[in-house]
PDB file of N, CA and C in Angstrom:
ATOM      1  N   UNK A   1    -107.645  50.845  -9.519  1.00  0.00           N
ATOM      2  CA  UNK A   1    -106.596  51.762  -9.954  1.00  0.00           C
ATOM      3  C   UNK A   1    -105.870  51.149 -11.144  1.00  0.00           C
ATOM      4  N   UNK A   2    -105.624  51.994 -12.141  1.00  0.00           N
ATOM      5  CA  UNK A   2    -104.840  51.584 -13.304  1.00  0.00           C
ATOM      6  C   UNK A   2    -103.502  52.305 -13.231  1.00  0.00           C
ATOM      7  N   UNK A   3    -102.415  51.521 -13.213  1.00  0.00           N
ATOM      8  CA  UNK A   3    -101.073  52.073 -13.079  1.00  0.00           C
ATOM      9  C   UNK A   3    -100.285  51.788 -14.354  1.00  0.00           C
ATOM     10  N   UNK A   4     -99.592  52.827 -14.836  1.00  0.00           N
ATOM     11  CA  UNK A   4     -98.782  52.710 -16.046  1.00  0.00           C
ATOM     12  C   UNK A   4     -97.389  53.276 -15.785  1.00  0.00           C
ATOM     13  N   UNK A   5     -96.352  52.515 -16.134  1.00  0.00           N
ATOM     14  CA  UNK A   5     -94.992  53.053 -16.155  1.00  0.00           C
ATOM     15  C   UNK A   5     -94.810  53.736 -17.505  1.00  0.00           C
ATOM     16  N   UNK A   6     -94.312  54.971 -17.480  1.00  0.00           N
ATOM     17  CA  UNK A   6     -94.194  55.750 -18.711  1.00  0.00           C
ATOM     18  C   UNK A   6     -92.802  56.374 -18.784  1.00  0.00           C
ATOM     19  N   UNK A   7     -92.076  56.019 -19.831  1.00  0.00           N
ATOM     20  CA  UNK A   7     -90.802  56.688 -20.104  1.00  0.00           C
ATOM     21  C   UNK A   7     -91.084  57.824 -21.078  1.00  0.00           C
ATOM     22  N   UNK A   8     -90.464  58.982 -20.830  1.00  0.00           N
ATOM     23  CA  UNK A   8     -90.638  60.137 -21.721  1.00  0.00           C
ATOM     24  C   UNK A   8     -89.303  60.397 -22.404  1.00  0.00           C
ATOM     25  N   UNK A   9     -89.301  60.324 -23.720  1.00  0.00           N
ATOM     26  CA  UNK A   9     -88.085  60.446 -24.509  1.00  0.00           C
ATOM     27  C   UNK A   9     -88.199  61.651 -25.431  1.00  0.00           C
ATOM     28  N   UNK A  10     -87.103  62.348 -25.590  1.00  0.00           N
ATOM     29  CA  UNK A  10     -87.053  63.630 -26.293  1.00  0.00           C
ATOM     30  C   UNK A  10     -87.641  63.583 -27.705  1.00  0.00           C
ATOM     31  N   UNK A  11     -87.337  62.574 -28.484  1.00  0.00           N
ATOM     32  CA  UNK A  11     -87.780  62.567 -29.878  1.00  0.00           C
ATOM     33  C   UNK A  11     -88.871  61.533 -30.174  1.00  0.00           C
ATOM     34  N   UNK A  12     -88.928  60.456 -29.408  1.00  0.00           N
ATOM     35  CA  UNK A  12     -89.956  59.447 -29.695  1.00  0.00           C
ATOM     36  C   UNK A  12     -91.192  59.624 -28.832  1.00  0.00           C
ATOM     37  N   UNK A  13     -91.111  60.413 -27.770  1.00  0.00           N
ATOM     38  CA  UNK A  13     -92.281  60.724 -26.962  1.00  0.00           C
ATOM     39  C   UNK A  13     -92.515  59.775 -25.815  1.00  0.00           C
ATOM     40  N   UNK A  14     -93.786  59.494 -25.555  1.00  0.00           N
ATOM     41  CA  UNK A  14     -94.178  58.634 -24.445  1.00  0.00           C
ATOM     42  C   UNK A  14     -94.062  57.171 -24.850  1.00  0.00           C
ATOM     43  N   UNK A  15     -93.527  56.377 -23.944  1.00  0.00           N
ATOM     44  CA  UNK A  15     -93.401  54.938 -24.175  1.00  0.00           C
ATOM     45  C   UNK A  15     -94.012  54.230 -22.973  1.00  0.00           C
ATOM     46  N   UNK A  16     -95.217  53.656 -23.101  1.00  0.00           N
ATOM     47  CA  UNK A  16     -96.100  53.609 -24.266  1.00  0.00           C
ATOM     48  C   UNK A  16     -96.765  54.963 -24.485  1.00  0.00           C
ATOM     49  N   UNK A  17     -97.540  55.086 -25.562  1.00  0.00           N
ATOM     50  CA  UNK A  17     -98.151  56.383 -25.868  1.00  0.00           C
ATOM     51  C   UNK A  17     -99.678  56.368 -25.868  1.00  0.00           C
ATOM     52  N   UNK A  18    -100.285  55.207 -25.605  1.00  0.00           N
ATOM     53  CA  UNK A  18    -101.738  55.110 -25.531  1.00  0.00           C
ATOM     54  C   UNK A  18    -102.123  54.375 -24.254  1.00  0.00           C
ATOM     55  N   UNK A  19    -103.099  54.929 -23.529  1.00  0.00           N
ATOM     56  CA  UNK A  19    -103.517  54.396 -22.240  1.00  0.00           C
ATOM     57  C   UNK A  19    -105.034  54.296 -22.229  1.00  0.00           C
ATOM     58  N   UNK A  20    -105.559  53.122 -21.886  1.00  0.00           N
ATOM     59  CA  UNK A  20    -106.997  52.907 -21.858  1.00  0.00           C
ATOM     60  C   UNK A  20    -107.429  52.552 -20.440  1.00  0.00           C
ATOM     61  N   UNK A  21    -108.438  53.284 -19.957  1.00  0.00           N
ATOM     62  CA  UNK A  21    -108.970  53.075 -18.616  1.00  0.00           C
ATOM     63  C   UNK A  21    -110.490  53.098 -18.681  1.00  0.00           C
ATOM     64  N   UNK A  22    -111.121  52.786 -17.571  1.00  0.00           N
ATOM     65  CA  UNK A  22    -112.577  52.838 -17.456  1.00  0.00           C
ATOM     66  C   UNK A  22    -112.982  54.112 -16.715  1.00  0.00           C
ATOM     67  N   UNK A  23    -114.194  54.554 -16.978  1.00  0.00           N
ATOM     68  CA  UNK A  23    -114.752  55.722 -16.298  1.00  0.00           C
ATOM     69  C   UNK A  23    -114.636  55.538 -14.788  1.00  0.00           C
ATOM     70  N   UNK A  24    -114.191  56.568 -14.120  1.00  0.00           N
ATOM     71  CA  UNK A  24    -114.011  56.656 -12.669  1.00  0.00           C
ATOM     72  C   UNK A  24    -112.841  55.835 -12.122  1.00  0.00           C
ATOM     73  N   UNK A  25    -112.014  55.279 -13.019  1.00  0.00           N
ATOM     74  CA  UNK A  25    -110.768  54.673 -12.553  1.00  0.00           C
ATOM     75  C   UNK A  25    -109.859  55.753 -11.989  1.00  0.00           C
ATOM     76  N   UNK A  26    -109.118  55.411 -10.949  1.00  0.00           N
ATOM     77  CA  UNK A  26    -108.000  56.241 -10.536  1.00  0.00           C
ATOM     78  C   UNK A  26    -106.836  55.843 -11.426  1.00  0.00           C
ATOM     79  N   UNK A  27    -106.258  56.822 -12.097  1.00  0.00           N
ATOM     80  CA  UNK A  27    -105.155  56.575 -13.031  1.00  0.00           C
ATOM     81  C   UNK A  27    -103.866  57.023 -12.348  1.00  0.00           C
ATOM     82  N   UNK A  28    -102.871  56.156 -12.399  1.00  0.00           N
ATOM     83  CA  UNK A  28    -101.558  56.489 -11.826  1.00  0.00           C
ATOM     84  C   UNK A  28    -100.503  56.290 -12.911  1.00  0.00           C
ATOM     85  N   UNK A  29     -99.833  57.394 -13.261  1.00  0.00           N
ATOM     86  CA  UNK A  29     -98.679  57.326 -14.150  1.00  0.00           C
ATOM     87  C   UNK A  29     -97.429  57.365 -13.284  1.00  0.00           C
ATOM     88  N   UNK A  30     -96.539  56.409 -13.505  1.00  0.00           N
ATOM     89  CA  UNK A  30     -95.221  56.408 -12.885  1.00  0.00           C
ATOM     90  C   UNK A  30     -94.273  56.845 -13.992  1.00  0.00           C
ATOM     91  N   UNK A  31     -94.019  58.151 -14.053  1.00  0.00           N
ATOM     92  CA  UNK A  31     -93.352  58.753 -15.205  1.00  0.00           C
ATOM     93  C   UNK A  31     -91.910  59.127 -14.888  1.00  0.00           C
ATOM     94  N   UNK A  32     -91.048  58.861 -15.863  1.00  0.00           N
ATOM     95  CA  UNK A  32     -89.633  59.202 -15.716  1.00  0.00           C
ATOM     96  C   UNK A  32     -89.066  59.560 -17.089  1.00  0.00           C
ATOM     97  N   UNK A  33     -87.997  60.337 -17.073  1.00  0.00           N
ATOM     98  CA  UNK A  33     -87.339  60.746 -18.311  1.00  0.00           C
ATOM     99  C   UNK A  33     -86.361  59.673 -18.771  1.00  0.00           C
ATOM    100  N   UNK A  34     -86.160  59.610 -20.071  1.00  0.00           N
ATOM    101  CA  UNK A  34     -85.168  58.700 -20.636  1.00  0.00           C
ATOM    102  C   UNK A  34     -83.784  59.083 -20.106  1.00  0.00           C
ATOM    103  N   UNK A  35     -82.823  58.151 -20.144  1.00  0.00           N
ATOM    104  CA  UNK A  35     -81.482  58.442 -19.645  1.00  0.00           C
ATOM    105  C   UNK A  35     -80.892  59.715 -20.250  1.00  0.00           C
ATOM    106  N   UNK A  36     -80.276  60.506 -19.387  1.00  0.00           N
ATOM    107  CA  UNK A  36     -79.605  61.763 -19.749  1.00  0.00           C
ATOM    108  C   UNK A  36     -80.557  62.839 -20.261  1.00  0.00           C
ATOM    109  N   UNK A  37     -81.865  62.728 -19.930  1.00  0.00           N
ATOM    110  CA  UNK A  37     -82.826  63.724 -20.401  1.00  0.00           C
ATOM    111  C   UNK A  37     -83.630  64.370 -19.279  1.00  0.00           C
ATOM    112  N   UNK A  38     -83.304  64.109 -18.044  1.00  0.00           N
ATOM    113  CA  UNK A  38     -84.045  64.696 -16.938  1.00  0.00           C
ATOM    114  C   UNK A  38     -84.040  66.218 -16.972  1.00  0.00           C
ATOM    115  N   UNK A  39     -83.012  66.792 -17.478  1.00  0.00           N
ATOM    116  CA  UNK A  39     -82.886  68.257 -17.544  1.00  0.00           C
ATOM    117  C   UNK A  39     -83.794  68.877 -18.607  1.00  0.00           C
ATOM    118  N   UNK A  40     -84.423  68.071 -19.453  1.00  0.00           N
ATOM    119  CA  UNK A  40     -85.326  68.591 -20.493  1.00  0.00           C
ATOM    120  C   UNK A  40     -86.662  69.063 -19.917  1.00  0.00           C
ATOM    121  N   UNK A  41     -86.945  68.690 -18.684  1.00  0.00           N
ATOM    122  CA  UNK A  41     -88.201  69.062 -18.015  1.00  0.00           C
ATOM    123  C   UNK A  41     -89.414  68.387 -18.664  1.00  0.00           C
ATOM    124  N   UNK A  42     -89.215  67.142 -19.129  1.00  0.00           N
ATOM    125  CA  UNK A  42     -90.320  66.377 -19.704  1.00  0.00           C
ATOM    126  C   UNK A  42     -91.426  66.184 -18.678  1.00  0.00           C
ATOM    127  N   UNK A  43     -92.644  66.004 -19.164  1.00  0.00           N
ATOM    128  CA  UNK A  43     -93.751  65.802 -18.250  1.00  0.00           C
ATOM    129  C   UNK A  43     -95.000  65.313 -18.938  1.00  0.00           C
ATOM    130  N   UNK A  44     -96.074  65.293 -18.168  1.00  0.00           N
ATOM    131  CA  UNK A  44     -97.374  64.831 -18.650  1.00  0.00           C
ATOM    132  C   UNK A  44     -98.411  65.910 -18.358  1.00  0.00           C
ATOM    133  N   UNK A  45     -99.134  66.305 -19.394  1.00  0.00           N
ATOM    134  CA  UNK A  45    -100.219  67.273 -19.269  1.00  0.00           C
ATOM    135  C   UNK A  45    -101.478  66.679 -19.900  1.00  0.00           C
ATOM    136  N   UNK A  46    -102.570  66.725 -19.151  1.00  0.00           N
ATOM    137  CA  UNK A  46    -103.892  66.362 -19.672  1.00  0.00           C
ATOM    138  C   UNK A  46    -104.830  67.454 -19.170  1.00  0.00           C
ATOM    139  N   UNK A  47    -105.132  68.399 -20.015  1.00  0.00           N
ATOM    140  CA  UNK A  47    -105.885  69.586 -19.609  1.00  0.00           C
ATOM    141  C   UNK A  47    -107.218  69.253 -18.938  1.00  0.00           C
ATOM    142  N   UNK A  48    -107.963  68.319 -19.501  1.00  0.00           N
ATOM    143  CA  UNK A  48    -109.310  68.021 -19.012  1.00  0.00           C
ATOM    144  C   UNK A  48    -109.323  67.480 -17.584  1.00  0.00           C
ATOM    145  N   UNK A  49    -108.206  66.949 -17.122  1.00  0.00           N
ATOM    146  CA  UNK A  49    -108.139  66.384 -15.778  1.00  0.00           C
ATOM    147  C   UNK A  49    -107.225  67.179 -14.849  1.00  0.00           C
ATOM    148  N   UNK A  50    -106.799  68.357 -15.282  1.00  0.00           N
ATOM    149  CA  UNK A  50    -105.970  69.217 -14.448  1.00  0.00           C
ATOM    150  C   UNK A  50    -104.587  68.666 -14.168  1.00  0.00           C
ATOM    151  N   UNK A  51    -104.067  67.854 -15.086  1.00  0.00           N
ATOM    152  CA  UNK A  51    -102.755  67.237 -14.911  1.00  0.00           C
ATOM    153  C   UNK A  51    -101.712  68.058 -15.661  1.00  0.00           C
ATOM    154  N   UNK A  52    -100.650  68.439 -14.964  1.00  0.00           N
ATOM    155  CA  UNK A  52     -99.513  69.129 -15.584  1.00  0.00           C
ATOM    156  C   UNK A  52     -98.329  68.977 -14.639  1.00  0.00           C
ATOM    157  N   UNK A  53     -97.522  67.941 -14.866  1.00  0.00           N
ATOM    158  CA  UNK A  53     -96.449  67.625 -13.922  1.00  0.00           C
ATOM    159  C   UNK A  53     -95.203  67.183 -14.663  1.00  0.00           C
ATOM    160  N   UNK A  54     -94.075  67.727 -14.270  1.00  0.00           N
ATOM    161  CA  UNK A  54     -92.788  67.316 -14.830  1.00  0.00           C
ATOM    162  C   UNK A  54     -92.354  66.002 -14.205  1.00  0.00           C
ATOM    163  N   UNK A  55     -91.576  65.248 -14.963  1.00  0.00           N
ATOM    164  CA  UNK A  55     -91.025  63.973 -14.497  1.00  0.00           C
ATOM    165  C   UNK A  55     -89.530  64.004 -14.780  1.00  0.00           C
ATOM    166  N   UNK A  56     -88.781  64.670 -13.930  1.00  0.00           N
ATOM    167  CA  UNK A  56     -87.362  64.910 -14.199  1.00  0.00           C
ATOM    168  C   UNK A  56     -86.453  63.763 -13.772  1.00  0.00           C
ATOM    169  N   UNK A  57     -86.960  62.816 -12.992  1.00  0.00           N
ATOM    170  CA  UNK A  57     -86.143  61.668 -12.601  1.00  0.00           C
ATOM    171  C   UNK A  57     -85.880  60.786 -13.814  1.00  0.00           C
ATOM    172  N   UNK A  58     -84.674  60.275 -13.911  1.00  0.00           N
ATOM    173  CA  UNK A  58     -84.310  59.333 -14.967  1.00  0.00           C
ATOM    174  C   UNK A  58     -84.326  57.898 -14.444  1.00  0.00           C
ATOM    175  N   UNK A  59     -84.697  57.733 -13.198  1.00  0.00           N
ATOM    176  CA  UNK A  59     -84.668  56.433 -12.537  1.00  0.00           C
ATOM    177  C   UNK A  59     -86.072  55.822 -12.530  1.00  0.00           C
ATOM    178  N   UNK A  60     -86.292  54.720 -13.269  1.00  0.00           N
ATOM    179  CA  UNK A  60     -87.615  54.097 -13.289  1.00  0.00           C
ATOM    180  C   UNK A  60     -88.094  53.661 -11.898  1.00  0.00           C
ATOM    181  N   UNK A  61     -87.160  53.491 -10.967  1.00  0.00           N
ATOM    182  CA  UNK A  61     -87.524  53.099  -9.608  1.00  0.00           C
ATOM    183  C   UNK A  61     -87.874  54.297  -8.721  1.00  0.00           C
ATOM    184  N   UNK A  62     -87.697  55.519  -9.247  1.00  0.00           N
ATOM    185  CA  UNK A  62     -88.023  56.740  -8.499  1.00  0.00           C
ATOM    186  C   UNK A  62     -88.765  57.724  -9.412  1.00  0.00           C
ATOM    187  N   UNK A  63     -89.885  57.287  -9.981  1.00  0.00           N
ATOM    188  CA  UNK A  63     -90.596  58.128 -10.945  1.00  0.00           C
ATOM    189  C   UNK A  63     -91.416  59.217 -10.265  1.00  0.00           C
ATOM    190  N   UNK A  64     -91.854  60.167 -11.074  1.00  0.00           N
ATOM    191  CA  UNK A  64     -92.895  61.099 -10.617  1.00  0.00           C
ATOM    192  C   UNK A  64     -94.200  60.302 -10.596  1.00  0.00           C
ATOM    193  N   UNK A  65     -94.957  60.443  -9.523  1.00  0.00           N
ATOM    194  CA  UNK A  65     -96.240  59.752  -9.403  1.00  0.00           C
ATOM    195  C   UNK A  65     -97.331  60.772  -9.703  1.00  0.00           C
ATOM    196  N   UNK A  66     -98.072  60.520 -10.759  1.00  0.00           N
ATOM    197  CA  UNK A  66     -99.118  61.431 -11.222  1.00  0.00           C
ATOM    198  C   UNK A  66    -100.442  60.680 -11.140  1.00  0.00           C
ATOM    199  N   UNK A  67    -101.357  61.149 -10.291  1.00  0.00           N
ATOM    200  CA  UNK A  67    -102.633  60.465 -10.095  1.00  0.00           C
ATOM    201  C   UNK A  67    -103.808  61.405 -10.327  1.00  0.00           C
ATOM    202  N   UNK A  68    -104.854  60.839 -10.885  1.00  0.00           N
ATOM    203  CA  UNK A  68    -106.099  61.581 -11.065  1.00  0.00           C
ATOM    204  C   UNK A  68    -107.223  60.575 -11.287  1.00  0.00           C
ATOM    205  N   UNK A  69    -108.452  61.041 -11.176  1.00  0.00           N
ATOM    206  CA  UNK A  69    -109.622  60.204 -11.433  1.00  0.00           C
ATOM    207  C   UNK A  69    -110.139  60.519 -12.832  1.00  0.00           C
ATOM    208  N   UNK A  70    -110.299  59.481 -13.641  1.00  0.00           N
ATOM    209  CA  UNK A  70    -110.803  59.636 -15.007  1.00  0.00           C
ATOM    210  C   UNK A  70    -112.331  59.690 -14.944  1.00  0.00           C
ATOM    211  N   UNK A  71    -112.858  60.876 -14.642  1.00  0.00           N
ATOM    212  CA  UNK A  71    -114.294  61.024 -14.385  1.00  0.00           C
ATOM    213  C   UNK A  71    -115.080  61.554 -15.588  1.00  0.00           C
ATOM    214  N   UNK A  72    -114.507  61.387 -16.778  1.00  0.00           N
ATOM    215  CA  UNK A  72    -115.172  61.822 -18.010  1.00  0.00           C
ATOM    216  C   UNK A  72    -114.778  60.849 -19.115  1.00  0.00           C
ATOM    217  N   UNK A  73    -115.743  60.373 -19.896  1.00  0.00           N
ATOM    218  CA  UNK A  73    -115.411  59.459 -20.987  1.00  0.00           C
ATOM    219  C   UNK A  73    -114.970  60.239 -22.215  1.00  0.00           C
ATOM    220  N   UNK A  74    -114.191  59.557 -23.050  1.00  0.00           N
ATOM    221  CA  UNK A  74    -113.742  60.160 -24.294  1.00  0.00           C
ATOM    222  C   UNK A  74    -112.292  59.844 -24.572  1.00  0.00           C
ATOM    223  N   UNK A  75    -111.777  60.512 -25.581  1.00  0.00           N
ATOM    224  CA  UNK A  75    -110.376  60.387 -25.969  1.00  0.00           C
ATOM    225  C   UNK A  75    -109.715  61.727 -25.716  1.00  0.00           C
ATOM    226  N   UNK A  76    -108.612  61.696 -24.968  1.00  0.00           N
ATOM    227  CA  UNK A  76    -107.970  62.921 -24.500  1.00  0.00           C
ATOM    228  C   UNK A  76    -106.506  62.950 -24.918  1.00  0.00           C
ATOM    229  N   UNK A  77    -106.056  64.131 -25.276  1.00  0.00           N
ATOM    230  CA  UNK A  77    -104.674  64.338 -25.677  1.00  0.00           C
ATOM    231  C   UNK A  77    -103.783  64.458 -24.441  1.00  0.00           C
ATOM    232  N   UNK A  78    -102.669  63.759 -24.497  1.00  0.00           N
ATOM    233  CA  UNK A  78    -101.612  63.900 -23.497  1.00  0.00           C
ATOM    234  C   UNK A  78    -100.464  64.592 -24.218  1.00  0.00           C
ATOM    235  N   UNK A  79     -99.903  65.608 -23.599  1.00  0.00           N
ATOM    236  CA  UNK A  79     -98.777  66.303 -24.221  1.00  0.00           C
ATOM    237  C   UNK A  79     -97.835  66.814 -23.140  1.00  0.00           C
ATOM    238  N   UNK A  80     -96.744  67.393 -23.566  1.00  0.00           N
ATOM    239  CA  UNK A  80     -95.698  67.818 -22.638  1.00  0.00           C
ATOM    240  C   UNK A  80     -95.631  69.346 -22.581  1.00  0.00           C
ATOM    241  N   UNK A  81     -96.494  69.944 -21.768  1.00  0.00           N
ATOM    242  CA  UNK A  81     -96.442  71.401 -21.587  1.00  0.00           C
ATOM    243  C   UNK A  81     -95.248  71.794 -20.710  1.00  0.00           C
ATOM    244  N   UNK A  82     -94.843  70.920 -19.782  1.00  0.00           N
ATOM    245  CA  UNK A  82     -93.720  71.267 -18.910  1.00  0.00           C
ATOM    246  C   UNK A  82     -92.427  71.415 -19.697  1.00  0.00           C
ATOM    247  N   UNK A  83     -92.338  70.772 -20.866  1.00  0.00           N
ATOM    248  CA  UNK A  83     -91.148  70.915 -21.713  1.00  0.00           C
ATOM    249  C   UNK A  83     -90.926  72.373 -22.113  1.00  0.00           C
ATOM    250  N   UNK A  84     -92.026  73.106 -22.250  1.00  0.00           N
ATOM    251  CA  UNK A  84     -91.904  74.510 -22.655  1.00  0.00           C
ATOM    252  C   UNK A  84     -91.126  75.335 -21.638  1.00  0.00           C
ATOM    253  N   UNK A  85     -91.107  74.874 -20.385  1.00  0.00           N
ATOM    254  CA  UNK A  85     -90.343  75.573 -19.347  1.00  0.00           C
ATOM    255  C   UNK A  85     -88.895  75.095 -19.290  1.00  0.00           C
ATOM    256  N   UNK A  86     -88.541  74.102 -20.093  1.00  0.00           N
ATOM    257  CA  UNK A  86     -87.190  73.567 -20.116  1.00  0.00           C
ATOM    258  C   UNK A  86     -86.300  74.359 -21.048  1.00  0.00           C
ATOM    259  N   UNK A  87     -85.099  73.844 -21.306  1.00  0.00           N
ATOM    260  CA  UNK A  87     -84.105  74.591 -22.084  1.00  0.00           C
ATOM    261  C   UNK A  87     -84.477  74.812 -23.547  1.00  0.00           C
ATOM    262  N   UNK A  88     -85.405  74.017 -24.100  1.00  0.00           N
ATOM    263  CA  UNK A  88     -85.781  74.160 -25.508  1.00  0.00           C
ATOM    264  C   UNK A  88     -87.006  75.041 -25.710  1.00  0.00           C
ATOM    265  N   UNK A  89     -87.718  75.363 -24.624  1.00  0.00           N
ATOM    266  CA  UNK A  89     -88.900  76.202 -24.723  1.00  0.00           C
ATOM    267  C   UNK A  89     -89.921  75.621 -25.682  1.00  0.00           C
ATOM    268  N   UNK A  90     -90.595  76.483 -26.432  1.00  0.00           N
ATOM    269  CA  UNK A  90     -91.622  76.041 -27.375  1.00  0.00           C
ATOM    270  C   UNK A  90     -91.027  75.360 -28.607  1.00  0.00           C
ATOM    271  N   UNK A  91     -89.702  75.339 -28.723  1.00  0.00           N
ATOM    272  CA  UNK A  91     -89.043  74.655 -29.834  1.00  0.00           C
ATOM    273  C   UNK A  91     -88.828  73.170 -29.547  1.00  0.00           C
ATOM    274  N   UNK A  92     -89.237  72.722 -28.352  1.00  0.00           N
ATOM    275  CA  UNK A  92     -89.074  71.311 -27.987  1.00  0.00           C
ATOM    276  C   UNK A  92     -89.890  70.440 -28.941  1.00  0.00           C
ATOM    277  N   UNK A  93     -89.360  69.266 -29.338  1.00  0.00           N
ATOM    278  CA  UNK A  93     -90.160  68.363 -30.184  1.00  0.00           C
ATOM    279  C   UNK A  93     -91.506  68.061 -29.532  1.00  0.00           C
ATOM    280  N   UNK A  94     -92.520  67.933 -30.347  1.00  0.00           N
ATOM    281  CA  UNK A  94     -93.869  67.671 -29.870  1.00  0.00           C
ATOM    282  C   UNK A  94     -93.947  66.257 -29.311  1.00  0.00           C
ATOM    283  N   UNK A  95     -94.324  66.128 -28.064  1.00  0.00           N
ATOM    284  CA  UNK A  95     -94.502  64.839 -27.420  1.00  0.00           C
ATOM    285  C   UNK A  95     -95.993  64.672 -27.182  1.00  0.00           C
ATOM    286  N   UNK A  96     -96.579  63.614 -27.762  1.00  0.00           N
ATOM    287  CA  UNK A  96     -98.028  63.409 -27.687  1.00  0.00           C
ATOM    288  C   UNK A  96     -98.357  61.972 -27.326  1.00  0.00           C
ATOM    289  N   UNK A  97     -99.449  61.824 -26.637  1.00  0.00           N
ATOM    290  CA  UNK A  97     -99.997  60.521 -26.312  1.00  0.00           C
ATOM    291  C   UNK A  97    -101.502  60.624 -26.263  1.00  0.00           C
ATOM    292  N   UNK A  98    -102.161  59.505 -25.962  1.00  0.00           N
ATOM    293  CA  UNK A  98    -103.620  59.465 -25.941  1.00  0.00           C
ATOM    294  C   UNK A  98    -104.107  58.715 -24.720  1.00  0.00           C
ATOM    295  N   UNK A  99    -105.089  59.305 -24.037  1.00  0.00           N
ATOM    296  CA  UNK A  99    -105.787  58.654 -22.953  1.00  0.00           C
ATOM    297  C   UNK A  99    -107.204  58.361 -23.438  1.00  0.00           C
ATOM    298  N   UNK A 100    -107.605  57.106 -23.363  1.00  0.00           N
ATOM    299  CA  UNK A 100    -108.947  56.694 -23.747  1.00  0.00           C
ATOM    300  C   UNK A 100    -109.682  56.274 -22.477  1.00  0.00           C
ATOM    301  N   UNK A 101    -110.787  56.943 -22.183  1.00  0.00           N
ATOM    302  CA  UNK A 101    -111.599  56.618 -21.017  1.00  0.00           C
ATOM    303  C   UNK A 101    -112.912  56.020 -21.530  1.00  0.00           C
ATOM    304  N   UNK A 102    -113.088  54.730 -21.259  1.00  0.00           N
ATOM    305  CA  UNK A 102    -114.269  54.003 -21.725  1.00  0.00           C
ATOM    306  C   UNK A 102    -115.351  53.989 -20.652  1.00  0.00           C
ATOM    307  N   UNK A 103    -116.621  53.880 -21.079  1.00  0.00           N
ATOM    308  CA  UNK A 103    -117.720  53.817 -20.100  1.00  0.00           C
ATOM    309  C   UNK A 103    -117.642  52.564 -19.235  1.00  0.00           C
TER     310      UNK A 103
END
């Protein structure tokens, strides 16, 4: 299992923003919003793996736990679709990251 702590910030995005795993690894994101931003409905979406989850907690010790199996190699876009359901809608700053799944 590969576990990553991920802070999601309104203007700078994912911290960190690039994640590298091996094929068939179980990936676990421990995701939380930056201070005073839980109400933004930040989250992690990776279409190819069926991931779309908000991380509204601002407490790194109580993150949203997002798990999936990286069963396809390649480079995949991570973005914040859940933000669109928040107060800024589609006007929310673009939050992007990259998942790299190696053979």
